[in-house]
N, C-alpha and C. Protein backbone atom coordinates (compact mmCIF):
# COMPACT_ATOMS: atom_id res chain seq x y z
N MET A 1 3.10 -31.60 22.69
CA MET A 1 3.21 -30.86 24.07
C MET A 1 2.10 -29.90 23.96
N ASN A 2 1.65 -29.31 22.96
CA ASN A 2 0.80 -28.08 22.66
C ASN A 2 -0.60 -28.60 23.60
N LEU A 3 -0.73 -29.85 23.52
CA LEU A 3 -2.23 -30.07 24.20
C LEU A 3 -2.32 -30.19 26.03
N PHE A 4 -0.93 -30.14 26.43
CA PHE A 4 -0.63 -30.06 27.78
C PHE A 4 0.06 -28.67 27.75
N LYS A 5 -1.16 -27.82 28.53
CA LYS A 5 -0.92 -26.32 28.95
C LYS A 5 0.20 -26.53 30.28
N GLU A 6 1.08 -25.51 30.19
CA GLU A 6 2.24 -25.64 31.51
C GLU A 6 1.38 -24.70 32.72
N ASP A 7 1.43 -25.70 33.68
CA ASP A 7 1.13 -24.90 34.94
C ASP A 7 2.08 -24.32 35.86
N TRP A 8 2.46 -23.17 35.81
CA TRP A 8 3.41 -22.33 36.35
C TRP A 8 3.44 -22.45 37.79
N GLN A 9 2.31 -22.99 38.23
CA GLN A 9 2.16 -23.15 39.82
C GLN A 9 3.20 -24.52 40.24
N LEU A 10 3.21 -25.46 39.25
CA LEU A 10 4.12 -26.65 39.46
C LEU A 10 5.41 -26.30 38.91
N SER A 11 5.73 -25.29 38.16
CA SER A 11 6.88 -24.70 37.90
C SER A 11 7.10 -25.46 36.63
N GLN A 12 6.21 -25.71 35.81
CA GLN A 12 5.95 -26.03 34.42
C GLN A 12 6.61 -25.19 33.41
N PHE A 13 7.70 -25.81 32.50
CA PHE A 13 8.08 -24.99 31.40
C PHE A 13 8.92 -25.76 30.46
N TRP A 14 7.93 -25.84 29.36
CA TRP A 14 8.36 -27.08 28.36
C TRP A 14 9.67 -26.46 27.44
N TYR A 15 10.54 -27.29 27.23
CA TYR A 15 11.70 -26.98 26.39
C TYR A 15 11.09 -26.84 25.00
N SER A 16 11.86 -25.78 24.54
CA SER A 16 11.69 -25.61 22.97
C SER A 16 11.99 -27.00 22.35
N ASP A 17 11.45 -27.02 21.05
CA ASP A 17 11.60 -28.28 20.11
C ASP A 17 13.09 -28.77 19.86
N SER A 18 13.79 -27.58 19.63
CA SER A 18 15.40 -27.78 19.36
C SER A 18 16.05 -28.16 20.76
N THR A 19 15.61 -27.84 21.78
CA THR A 19 16.07 -28.28 22.79
C THR A 19 15.62 -29.54 23.15
N ALA A 20 14.45 -29.89 23.22
CA ALA A 20 13.82 -31.08 23.44
C ALA A 20 14.23 -32.44 22.59
N ASP A 21 15.00 -31.85 21.16
CA ASP A 21 15.22 -32.84 20.45
C ASP A 21 16.78 -32.93 20.79
N LYS A 22 17.57 -32.19 21.24
CA LYS A 22 19.03 -32.33 21.39
C LYS A 22 18.96 -33.20 22.81
N LEU A 23 18.33 -32.85 23.82
CA LEU A 23 18.33 -33.58 25.03
C LEU A 23 18.02 -35.33 24.57
N ALA A 24 16.88 -35.30 23.55
CA ALA A 24 16.64 -36.60 23.18
C ALA A 24 17.81 -37.42 22.60
N ASP A 25 18.23 -36.73 21.54
CA ASP A 25 19.60 -37.19 21.10
C ASP A 25 20.85 -37.70 21.99
N ALA A 26 20.70 -37.02 22.68
CA ALA A 26 21.78 -37.22 23.84
C ALA A 26 21.46 -38.50 24.59
N LEU A 27 20.16 -38.73 24.83
CA LEU A 27 19.83 -39.95 25.60
C LEU A 27 19.81 -40.95 24.79
N LEU A 28 19.78 -41.06 23.64
CA LEU A 28 19.28 -41.97 22.57
C LEU A 28 20.65 -42.52 21.71
N GLU A 29 21.77 -41.57 21.64
CA GLU A 29 22.76 -41.74 20.83
C GLU A 29 23.51 -42.92 21.21
N GLY A 30 23.74 -43.87 20.30
CA GLY A 30 24.31 -45.04 20.67
C GLY A 30 23.72 -46.37 21.74
N ALA A 31 22.65 -45.66 21.94
CA ALA A 31 21.86 -46.87 23.04
C ALA A 31 21.43 -48.29 21.90
N ASP A 32 21.11 -49.05 22.89
CA ASP A 32 20.75 -50.63 22.26
C ASP A 32 19.69 -50.87 22.93
N ALA A 33 19.12 -52.23 22.44
CA ALA A 33 17.82 -52.49 22.85
C ALA A 33 17.60 -52.97 24.65
N THR A 34 18.93 -52.98 25.08
CA THR A 34 18.87 -53.31 26.77
C THR A 34 19.21 -51.92 27.33
N THR A 35 19.49 -50.82 26.57
CA THR A 35 19.47 -49.60 27.30
C THR A 35 18.21 -49.19 27.93
N VAL A 36 18.34 -48.75 29.56
CA VAL A 36 17.10 -48.40 29.92
C VAL A 36 17.15 -46.72 30.34
N ILE A 37 16.49 -46.15 30.02
CA ILE A 37 16.38 -44.53 29.99
C ILE A 37 15.37 -43.99 31.06
N ALA A 38 15.57 -43.19 31.60
CA ALA A 38 14.64 -42.46 32.64
C ALA A 38 14.71 -40.60 32.39
N ILE A 39 13.61 -40.57 32.24
CA ILE A 39 13.41 -39.08 31.84
C ILE A 39 12.58 -38.35 33.08
N VAL A 40 13.28 -37.31 33.97
CA VAL A 40 12.43 -37.15 35.35
C VAL A 40 12.16 -35.68 35.15
N SER A 41 10.90 -35.33 35.32
CA SER A 41 10.48 -34.07 35.44
C SER A 41 10.87 -33.06 34.07
N ALA A 42 10.76 -34.01 33.07
CA ALA A 42 10.91 -33.18 31.80
C ALA A 42 10.12 -33.94 30.65
N PRO A 43 9.01 -33.89 30.44
CA PRO A 43 7.96 -34.40 29.60
C PRO A 43 8.19 -34.12 28.26
N SER A 44 8.49 -32.95 28.27
CA SER A 44 8.80 -32.47 26.66
C SER A 44 9.93 -33.41 25.89
N VAL A 45 10.97 -33.66 26.76
CA VAL A 45 11.91 -34.72 26.16
C VAL A 45 11.28 -35.77 26.00
N TYR A 46 10.61 -36.31 26.54
CA TYR A 46 10.05 -37.88 26.56
C TYR A 46 8.89 -37.77 25.32
N ALA A 47 8.13 -36.59 24.96
CA ALA A 47 7.20 -36.15 23.90
C ALA A 47 8.43 -36.12 22.65
N ALA A 48 9.39 -35.48 22.57
CA ALA A 48 10.33 -35.56 21.64
C ALA A 48 10.64 -36.96 21.15
N ILE A 49 11.12 -37.72 22.11
CA ILE A 49 11.09 -39.10 21.84
C ILE A 49 9.94 -40.06 20.99
N GLN A 50 8.72 -39.67 21.76
CA GLN A 50 7.68 -40.36 21.22
C GLN A 50 7.21 -39.96 19.73
N LYS A 51 7.68 -38.96 19.39
CA LYS A 51 7.38 -38.19 17.96
C LYS A 51 8.25 -38.76 16.78
N ARG A 52 9.40 -39.55 17.27
CA ARG A 52 10.09 -40.16 16.21
C ARG A 52 9.57 -41.36 15.85
N ASP A 53 10.26 -41.60 14.78
CA ASP A 53 10.12 -43.06 14.02
C ASP A 53 10.58 -44.30 14.84
N ASP A 54 9.80 -45.22 14.69
CA ASP A 54 10.18 -46.23 15.46
C ASP A 54 11.73 -46.72 15.23
N SER A 55 12.05 -46.44 13.99
CA SER A 55 13.30 -46.94 13.73
C SER A 55 14.46 -46.11 14.46
N GLU A 56 14.12 -45.04 14.83
CA GLU A 56 15.40 -44.10 15.60
C GLU A 56 15.25 -44.32 16.98
N ILE A 57 14.47 -45.33 17.20
CA ILE A 57 14.42 -45.37 18.97
C ILE A 57 14.60 -46.91 19.24
N PRO A 58 16.16 -46.84 19.52
CA PRO A 58 16.73 -48.13 19.70
C PRO A 58 16.50 -48.94 21.17
N THR A 59 15.52 -48.51 21.93
CA THR A 59 15.39 -49.10 22.99
C THR A 59 13.81 -49.21 23.22
N LYS A 60 13.04 -49.90 24.11
CA LYS A 60 11.77 -49.82 24.23
C LYS A 60 11.60 -49.38 25.92
N HIS A 61 12.80 -49.75 26.94
CA HIS A 61 12.95 -49.21 27.89
C HIS A 61 13.06 -47.56 28.05
N ILE A 62 12.13 -46.77 27.77
CA ILE A 62 12.23 -45.44 28.39
C ILE A 62 10.97 -45.08 29.02
N TYR A 63 11.26 -44.23 30.35
CA TYR A 63 10.51 -44.17 31.46
C TYR A 63 10.32 -42.58 31.69
N LEU A 64 9.06 -42.30 31.90
CA LEU A 64 8.91 -40.85 32.39
C LEU A 64 8.49 -40.84 33.64
N PHE A 65 9.02 -40.17 34.68
CA PHE A 65 8.81 -39.87 35.96
C PHE A 65 8.25 -38.45 36.17
N GLU A 66 7.19 -38.55 36.59
CA GLU A 66 6.37 -36.98 36.55
C GLU A 66 5.46 -36.64 37.52
N TYR A 67 5.27 -35.74 38.01
CA TYR A 67 4.26 -35.28 39.26
C TYR A 67 2.79 -35.02 38.42
N ASP A 68 2.80 -34.59 37.25
CA ASP A 68 1.72 -34.19 36.73
C ASP A 68 1.10 -35.59 35.83
N THR A 69 0.17 -36.14 36.16
CA THR A 69 -0.45 -37.33 36.24
C THR A 69 -0.91 -37.49 34.58
N ARG A 70 -1.33 -36.18 34.08
CA ARG A 70 -1.77 -35.97 32.73
C ARG A 70 -0.95 -36.91 31.79
N PHE A 71 0.54 -36.83 32.18
CA PHE A 71 1.55 -37.38 31.12
C PHE A 71 1.41 -38.76 30.96
N GLU A 72 0.72 -39.52 31.97
CA GLU A 72 0.37 -40.86 31.92
C GLU A 72 -0.09 -41.42 30.43
N LEU A 73 -0.98 -40.64 30.00
CA LEU A 73 -1.28 -40.52 28.57
C LEU A 73 -0.59 -40.77 27.62
N LEU A 74 0.88 -39.86 27.90
CA LEU A 74 1.73 -39.61 26.78
C LEU A 74 2.85 -41.21 27.00
N ALA A 75 3.04 -41.41 28.21
CA ALA A 75 3.94 -42.61 28.36
C ALA A 75 3.36 -43.75 28.40
N GLY A 76 1.87 -44.11 28.64
CA GLY A 76 1.30 -45.02 28.88
C GLY A 76 1.55 -45.65 30.19
N LYS A 77 0.69 -46.55 30.90
CA LYS A 77 0.67 -47.09 32.28
C LYS A 77 1.92 -47.82 32.50
N ASP A 78 2.72 -48.54 31.69
CA ASP A 78 3.77 -49.14 31.71
C ASP A 78 5.40 -48.61 32.01
N HIS A 79 4.86 -47.11 31.35
CA HIS A 79 6.24 -46.39 31.17
C HIS A 79 6.14 -45.10 32.04
N PHE A 80 5.08 -44.88 32.83
CA PHE A 80 4.78 -43.68 33.61
C PHE A 80 4.92 -43.81 35.18
N PHE A 81 5.74 -43.10 35.76
CA PHE A 81 5.63 -43.45 37.39
C PHE A 81 5.55 -41.94 37.89
N PHE A 82 4.40 -42.02 38.81
CA PHE A 82 3.99 -40.82 39.54
C PHE A 82 5.45 -40.21 40.34
N TYR A 83 5.74 -39.20 40.30
CA TYR A 83 7.17 -38.68 40.87
C TYR A 83 6.78 -37.49 41.62
N ASP A 84 7.14 -37.49 42.98
CA ASP A 84 6.79 -36.26 43.73
C ASP A 84 8.48 -35.89 44.34
N TYR A 85 9.03 -34.87 44.01
CA TYR A 85 10.34 -34.83 44.53
C TYR A 85 10.57 -34.67 46.09
N ASN A 86 9.39 -34.31 46.59
CA ASN A 86 9.38 -34.18 48.16
C ASN A 86 9.39 -35.66 48.93
N LYS A 87 9.16 -36.56 48.10
CA LYS A 87 9.32 -38.02 48.43
C LYS A 87 10.24 -38.74 47.36
N PRO A 88 11.65 -38.50 47.61
CA PRO A 88 12.29 -38.75 46.32
C PRO A 88 12.72 -40.08 45.99
N LEU A 89 12.24 -41.03 46.87
CA LEU A 89 12.79 -42.53 46.93
C LEU A 89 11.13 -43.31 46.80
N ASP A 90 10.16 -42.42 46.83
CA ASP A 90 8.80 -43.22 46.93
C ASP A 90 8.25 -43.38 45.35
N PHE A 91 8.57 -44.39 44.70
CA PHE A 91 7.98 -45.02 43.55
C PHE A 91 8.45 -46.25 43.41
N ASP A 92 7.62 -47.21 42.46
CA ASP A 92 8.12 -48.39 42.27
C ASP A 92 9.57 -48.98 42.01
N ASP A 93 9.92 -50.00 42.75
CA ASP A 93 11.36 -50.41 42.70
C ASP A 93 11.67 -50.90 41.54
N LYS A 94 11.13 -51.38 40.60
CA LYS A 94 11.60 -51.92 39.30
C LYS A 94 12.58 -51.50 38.69
N LEU A 95 12.75 -50.07 38.69
CA LEU A 95 13.91 -49.20 38.09
C LEU A 95 14.99 -48.97 38.86
N LYS A 96 14.84 -49.11 40.37
CA LYS A 96 16.08 -48.81 41.11
C LYS A 96 17.02 -49.43 40.70
N GLY A 97 18.30 -48.54 40.63
CA GLY A 97 19.70 -49.00 40.36
C GLY A 97 19.70 -49.92 38.86
N LYS A 98 18.64 -49.68 37.98
CA LYS A 98 18.63 -50.29 36.72
C LYS A 98 18.93 -49.11 35.60
N VAL A 99 18.82 -48.03 35.88
CA VAL A 99 18.89 -46.99 34.54
C VAL A 99 20.01 -46.89 34.14
N ASP A 100 20.37 -46.70 32.64
CA ASP A 100 21.81 -46.46 32.22
C ASP A 100 21.96 -44.93 32.13
N ARG A 101 20.71 -44.42 31.40
CA ARG A 101 21.11 -42.96 31.06
C ARG A 101 19.55 -42.14 31.48
N LEU A 102 20.07 -40.99 32.44
CA LEU A 102 18.86 -40.31 32.89
C LEU A 102 19.09 -38.96 32.55
N LEU A 103 18.15 -38.33 32.46
CA LEU A 103 17.83 -36.84 32.34
C LEU A 103 16.89 -36.35 33.44
N ILE A 104 17.29 -35.41 34.21
CA ILE A 104 16.56 -34.79 35.46
C ILE A 104 16.51 -33.17 35.24
N ASP A 105 15.45 -32.78 35.23
CA ASP A 105 14.92 -31.47 35.31
C ASP A 105 14.45 -31.06 36.79
N PRO A 106 15.03 -30.73 37.74
CA PRO A 106 14.23 -30.65 39.34
C PRO A 106 13.23 -29.29 38.80
N PRO A 107 12.04 -29.27 39.34
CA PRO A 107 11.07 -28.21 38.92
C PRO A 107 11.34 -27.06 39.58
N PHE A 108 12.28 -26.85 40.93
CA PHE A 108 12.42 -25.62 41.43
C PHE A 108 13.67 -25.48 41.72
N LEU A 109 14.05 -24.00 41.51
CA LEU A 109 15.42 -23.61 41.71
C LEU A 109 15.70 -23.22 43.31
N ASN A 110 15.84 -24.32 43.91
CA ASN A 110 16.27 -24.23 45.38
C ASN A 110 17.03 -25.37 45.95
N GLU A 111 17.84 -25.29 46.81
CA GLU A 111 18.58 -26.53 47.26
C GLU A 111 17.59 -27.70 47.81
N ASP A 112 16.80 -27.42 48.34
CA ASP A 112 15.90 -28.42 48.88
C ASP A 112 15.54 -29.44 47.67
N CYS A 113 15.00 -28.82 46.74
CA CYS A 113 14.50 -29.50 45.44
C CYS A 113 15.71 -30.15 44.79
N GLN A 114 16.71 -29.56 44.60
CA GLN A 114 17.77 -29.95 43.63
C GLN A 114 18.35 -31.25 44.61
N SER A 115 18.60 -31.29 45.79
CA SER A 115 19.03 -32.24 46.59
C SER A 115 18.08 -33.36 46.53
N LYS A 116 16.87 -33.23 46.90
CA LYS A 116 15.99 -34.43 46.66
C LYS A 116 15.87 -35.00 45.52
N SER A 117 16.02 -34.00 44.30
CA SER A 117 15.99 -34.78 42.84
C SER A 117 17.02 -35.69 42.93
N ALA A 118 18.31 -35.13 43.30
CA ALA A 118 19.63 -35.89 43.15
C ALA A 118 19.60 -37.26 44.23
N GLN A 119 18.95 -37.26 44.91
CA GLN A 119 18.26 -38.59 45.80
C GLN A 119 17.99 -39.69 44.73
N THR A 120 16.88 -39.15 44.10
CA THR A 120 16.06 -39.83 42.97
C THR A 120 17.12 -40.56 41.81
N ALA A 121 17.99 -39.53 41.48
CA ALA A 121 18.68 -39.85 40.37
C ALA A 121 19.61 -41.00 40.86
N LYS A 122 20.33 -40.55 41.66
CA LYS A 122 21.24 -41.69 42.41
C LYS A 122 20.70 -42.96 42.54
N SER A 123 19.46 -43.18 42.96
CA SER A 123 18.42 -44.33 43.37
C SER A 123 18.32 -45.00 42.04
N LEU A 124 17.94 -44.17 40.97
CA LEU A 124 17.79 -44.69 39.57
C LEU A 124 18.74 -45.54 38.96
N LEU A 125 19.87 -44.75 38.99
CA LEU A 125 20.95 -45.00 37.97
C LEU A 125 21.66 -46.33 38.56
N ALA A 126 22.08 -47.09 37.38
CA ALA A 126 22.90 -48.06 37.52
C ALA A 126 24.23 -47.82 37.87
N PRO A 127 25.17 -48.72 38.55
CA PRO A 127 26.42 -48.39 38.45
C PRO A 127 27.17 -48.15 37.28
N LYS A 128 28.17 -47.06 37.48
CA LYS A 128 28.99 -46.55 36.40
C LYS A 128 30.18 -47.37 36.53
N ASP A 129 29.80 -48.53 35.65
CA ASP A 129 30.97 -49.45 35.84
C ASP A 129 31.90 -49.78 34.34
N GLY A 130 31.66 -48.64 33.49
CA GLY A 130 32.26 -48.72 32.16
C GLY A 130 31.79 -49.49 31.12
N SER A 131 30.60 -50.02 31.31
CA SER A 131 30.10 -50.95 30.24
C SER A 131 29.65 -50.28 29.11
N LYS A 132 29.54 -50.78 27.97
CA LYS A 132 29.10 -50.16 26.62
C LYS A 132 27.85 -50.84 25.97
N THR A 133 27.47 -49.89 25.09
CA THR A 133 26.42 -50.55 24.26
C THR A 133 26.72 -51.31 23.21
N SER A 134 26.03 -51.88 22.32
CA SER A 134 26.59 -52.68 21.21
C SER A 134 27.12 -51.87 20.10
N ASP A 135 27.06 -50.31 20.20
CA ASP A 135 27.85 -49.59 19.45
C ASP A 135 28.83 -49.05 19.75
N GLY A 136 29.38 -49.59 21.15
CA GLY A 136 30.82 -49.42 21.70
C GLY A 136 30.70 -48.11 22.49
N LEU A 137 29.57 -47.43 22.54
CA LEU A 137 29.36 -46.16 23.74
C LEU A 137 29.42 -46.44 24.98
N LEU A 138 29.82 -45.43 25.83
CA LEU A 138 29.50 -45.93 27.11
C LEU A 138 28.09 -45.96 27.43
N LYS A 139 27.64 -46.73 28.25
CA LYS A 139 25.92 -46.87 28.52
C LYS A 139 25.60 -46.02 29.52
N HIS A 140 26.26 -45.36 30.43
CA HIS A 140 26.27 -44.67 31.63
C HIS A 140 25.95 -43.06 30.94
N ARG A 141 24.87 -42.43 31.15
CA ARG A 141 24.87 -41.10 30.74
C ARG A 141 24.08 -40.44 32.07
N LEU A 142 24.57 -39.18 32.56
CA LEU A 142 23.73 -38.44 33.21
C LEU A 142 23.71 -37.15 32.85
N ILE A 143 22.39 -36.44 32.88
CA ILE A 143 22.15 -35.15 32.45
C ILE A 143 21.43 -34.48 33.40
N SER A 144 21.63 -33.36 33.95
CA SER A 144 20.67 -32.64 34.66
C SER A 144 20.81 -31.16 34.32
N CYS A 145 19.35 -30.80 33.67
CA CYS A 145 19.13 -29.23 33.58
C CYS A 145 18.51 -28.59 34.39
N THR A 146 19.15 -27.46 34.84
CA THR A 146 18.71 -26.55 35.80
C THR A 146 19.37 -25.26 35.63
N GLY A 147 18.97 -24.36 36.52
CA GLY A 147 19.02 -23.00 36.82
C GLY A 147 20.97 -22.96 36.88
N GLU A 148 21.66 -21.65 36.31
CA GLU A 148 22.92 -21.58 36.43
C GLU A 148 23.18 -21.42 37.94
N ARG A 149 22.44 -20.74 38.77
CA ARG A 149 22.68 -20.38 40.14
C ARG A 149 22.77 -21.75 40.95
N MET A 150 22.49 -22.89 40.32
CA MET A 150 22.62 -24.34 41.20
C MET A 150 23.82 -24.79 40.61
N ALA A 151 24.74 -24.30 40.20
CA ALA A 151 25.91 -24.93 39.79
C ALA A 151 26.59 -25.67 41.03
N GLN A 152 26.79 -24.90 42.22
CA GLN A 152 27.45 -25.39 43.36
C GLN A 152 26.77 -26.91 43.87
N VAL A 153 25.38 -26.63 43.77
CA VAL A 153 24.37 -27.83 44.30
C VAL A 153 24.65 -28.95 43.64
N ILE A 154 24.86 -28.77 41.92
CA ILE A 154 24.58 -29.97 41.37
C ILE A 154 26.12 -30.63 41.28
N LYS A 155 27.06 -29.96 41.49
CA LYS A 155 28.62 -30.22 41.64
C LYS A 155 28.69 -31.14 42.81
N LYS A 156 27.89 -30.62 44.15
CA LYS A 156 27.97 -31.33 45.17
C LYS A 156 27.07 -33.00 45.13
N ALA A 157 26.04 -32.80 44.25
CA ALA A 157 25.43 -33.71 44.16
C ALA A 157 25.75 -34.91 43.01
N TYR A 158 26.26 -34.32 42.04
CA TYR A 158 26.94 -35.24 41.01
C TYR A 158 28.26 -34.79 40.75
N PRO A 159 29.44 -35.38 41.71
CA PRO A 159 30.51 -34.64 41.50
C PRO A 159 31.38 -34.92 40.22
N ASP A 160 30.77 -36.23 39.37
CA ASP A 160 31.64 -36.30 38.45
C ASP A 160 30.86 -35.70 36.81
N THR A 161 29.89 -34.70 37.11
CA THR A 161 29.42 -33.77 36.24
C THR A 161 30.07 -32.40 35.94
N GLU A 162 29.92 -31.91 34.87
CA GLU A 162 30.56 -30.66 34.42
C GLU A 162 29.35 -29.79 33.66
N ILE A 163 29.58 -28.61 33.69
CA ILE A 163 28.73 -27.70 33.10
C ILE A 163 29.18 -27.59 31.56
N THR A 164 28.03 -27.43 30.81
CA THR A 164 28.40 -27.78 29.45
C THR A 164 28.29 -26.56 28.42
N ASP A 165 28.65 -26.72 27.17
CA ASP A 165 28.40 -25.36 26.53
C ASP A 165 27.07 -25.29 25.84
N PHE A 166 25.97 -26.18 26.18
CA PHE A 166 24.94 -26.63 25.62
C PHE A 166 23.94 -25.52 26.83
N TYR A 167 22.89 -24.58 25.89
CA TYR A 167 22.02 -23.77 26.71
C TYR A 167 20.54 -24.26 26.47
N PRO A 168 19.85 -25.02 27.38
CA PRO A 168 18.75 -25.27 27.05
C PRO A 168 17.79 -24.06 27.00
N GLU A 169 16.92 -24.18 26.13
CA GLU A 169 15.93 -22.98 25.81
C GLU A 169 14.51 -23.68 26.25
N HIS A 170 13.54 -22.72 26.49
CA HIS A 170 12.17 -22.98 26.91
C HIS A 170 11.21 -22.27 25.77
N GLY A 171 10.12 -23.02 25.47
CA GLY A 171 9.26 -22.52 24.70
C GLY A 171 8.66 -21.11 24.70
N ASN A 172 8.17 -21.11 25.88
CA ASN A 172 7.42 -19.81 26.31
C ASN A 172 8.43 -18.91 26.95
N GLY A 173 9.64 -19.12 27.03
CA GLY A 173 10.47 -18.07 27.42
C GLY A 173 10.55 -18.26 29.31
N LEU A 174 11.55 -18.07 29.72
CA LEU A 174 12.13 -18.25 30.94
C LEU A 174 12.96 -17.49 31.27
N SER A 175 13.01 -16.51 32.31
CA SER A 175 13.78 -15.66 32.70
C SER A 175 15.09 -16.02 33.33
N ASN A 176 15.00 -17.31 34.03
CA ASN A 176 16.19 -17.84 34.73
C ASN A 176 17.30 -18.30 33.52
N GLU A 177 18.44 -18.21 33.96
CA GLU A 177 19.55 -18.71 33.33
C GLU A 177 19.63 -20.08 33.37
N PHE A 178 19.34 -20.70 32.25
CA PHE A 178 19.25 -22.19 32.52
C PHE A 178 20.76 -23.16 31.67
N ARG A 179 21.19 -24.10 32.59
CA ARG A 179 22.25 -24.81 31.93
C ARG A 179 22.00 -26.09 32.04
N CYS A 180 23.18 -26.73 31.20
CA CYS A 180 23.11 -28.18 31.19
C CYS A 180 24.31 -28.89 31.72
N TYR A 181 23.89 -29.65 32.79
CA TYR A 181 25.42 -30.26 33.36
C TYR A 181 25.28 -31.84 32.90
N ALA A 182 26.20 -32.43 32.49
CA ALA A 182 26.43 -33.77 32.11
C ALA A 182 27.57 -34.21 32.72
N ASN A 183 27.55 -35.37 32.73
CA ASN A 183 29.10 -36.26 32.65
C ASN A 183 29.48 -37.23 31.65
N PHE A 184 29.03 -36.43 30.36
CA PHE A 184 29.59 -36.78 29.25
C PHE A 184 29.56 -35.88 28.08
N GLU A 185 30.74 -35.92 27.26
CA GLU A 185 30.77 -35.06 25.93
C GLU A 185 30.36 -35.97 24.92
N TRP A 186 29.73 -35.04 23.79
CA TRP A 186 29.25 -35.88 22.47
C TRP A 186 29.31 -34.64 21.63
N SER A 187 28.89 -34.96 20.24
CA SER A 187 28.58 -34.15 19.35
C SER A 187 27.72 -33.16 19.67
N GLY A 188 26.99 -33.16 20.43
CA GLY A 188 25.92 -32.15 20.97
C GLY A 188 26.66 -31.03 21.81
N TRP A 189 27.50 -31.42 22.50
CA TRP A 189 28.22 -30.51 23.75
C TRP A 189 29.40 -30.85 24.04
N LYS A 190 30.05 -29.76 24.60
CA LYS A 190 31.46 -30.19 25.04
C LYS A 190 31.47 -29.34 26.74
N PHE A 191 32.11 -29.67 27.44
CA PHE A 191 32.36 -29.21 28.70
C PHE A 191 32.73 -27.85 28.51
N SER A 192 32.10 -26.93 29.24
CA SER A 192 32.57 -25.54 29.34
C SER A 192 34.24 -25.27 29.87
N LYS A 193 34.91 -24.53 29.37
CA LYS A 193 36.05 -24.01 30.01
C LYS A 193 36.17 -22.99 30.80
């Protein structure tokens, strides 16, 4: 990620290595060869996965949705989707309704951006039907990392998510209080009480 300089006009703030690794772990834990993963507006998490040994990546179905087309170099043409939150459903249909695990980090801390990003997430996610991976873990996982002040918007957009006790950190510092919302608990976080 050091090769990709942050563009603050695009609200780009890369996660610290430890945060990117933890979010990658949450997406990969118990995944199998058929698990489809999408990472929306969080290229540092995609990069954290790409740095791993192939034996640690159980699926080849990992896709990056990102406005900044520089990241097509990182993901490759077949795994990169240009994504503009202002056009939340304007991308190739091949993944709509097929994503088992999704991480979304809306670029701006306002209701419009958060709501449009939620439209994208809902269109990508496969139905939450209780299906499990070959390791016996639930396939369906949703993570949204965004500002704490977006809590009510997130709860409205994703009623089955809860705020977790995991605090995402950014490599170059960010003054906004950031939180992780998810619809599952695991060894990396619990729901906040």
